[in-house]
């Protein structure tokens, strides 16, 4: 298993970028959804 952000293989880099994109997307959508629920 390649280490994240250290192994620069094509598939490993693509997998890490995809995972980080999903994490950032979830974080952004949670921040946007919380104020709407509070109102």
Protein backbone atom coordinates (compact mmCIF):
# COMPACT_ATOMS: atom_id res chain seq x y z
CA UNK A 1 0.00 0.00 0.00
CA UNK A 2 1.60 3.30 -1.07
CA UNK A 3 1.94 6.05 1.51
CA UNK A 4 -0.32 9.05 0.90
CA UNK A 5 1.35 12.12 -0.65
CA UNK A 6 4.74 10.31 -0.70
CA UNK A 7 4.36 7.71 -3.43
CA UNK A 8 4.11 9.45 -6.80
CA UNK A 9 2.90 6.51 -8.88
CA UNK A 10 0.20 7.46 -11.39
CA UNK A 11 -2.60 5.35 -9.89
CA UNK A 12 -1.61 6.14 -6.29
CA UNK A 13 -1.53 9.88 -6.99
CA UNK A 14 -4.89 9.73 -8.78
CA UNK A 15 -6.45 7.74 -5.91
CA UNK A 16 -5.15 10.19 -3.28
CA UNK A 17 -6.40 13.23 -5.23
CA UNK A 18 -9.80 11.58 -5.65
CA UNK A 19 -10.01 10.78 -1.93
CA UNK A 20 -8.93 14.30 -0.92
CA UNK A 21 -11.46 15.79 -3.32
CA UNK A 22 -14.26 13.77 -1.75
CA UNK A 23 -13.17 14.78 1.76
CA UNK A 24 -13.03 18.49 0.85
CA UNK A 25 -16.40 18.24 -0.90
CA UNK A 26 -18.03 16.71 2.18
CA UNK A 27 -16.44 19.32 4.46
CA UNK A 28 -17.62 22.21 2.28
CA UNK A 29 -21.16 20.88 1.96
CA UNK A 30 -21.39 20.33 5.73
CA UNK A 31 -20.31 23.93 6.40
CA UNK A 32 -22.92 25.20 3.94
CA UNK A 33 -25.69 22.96 5.29
CA UNK A 34 -25.30 23.75 9.01
CA UNK A 35 -26.40 27.46 8.89
CA UNK A 36 -29.45 26.55 6.80
CA UNK A 37 -30.61 24.01 9.39
CA UNK A 38 -30.06 26.46 12.24
CA UNK A 39 -32.42 28.96 10.61
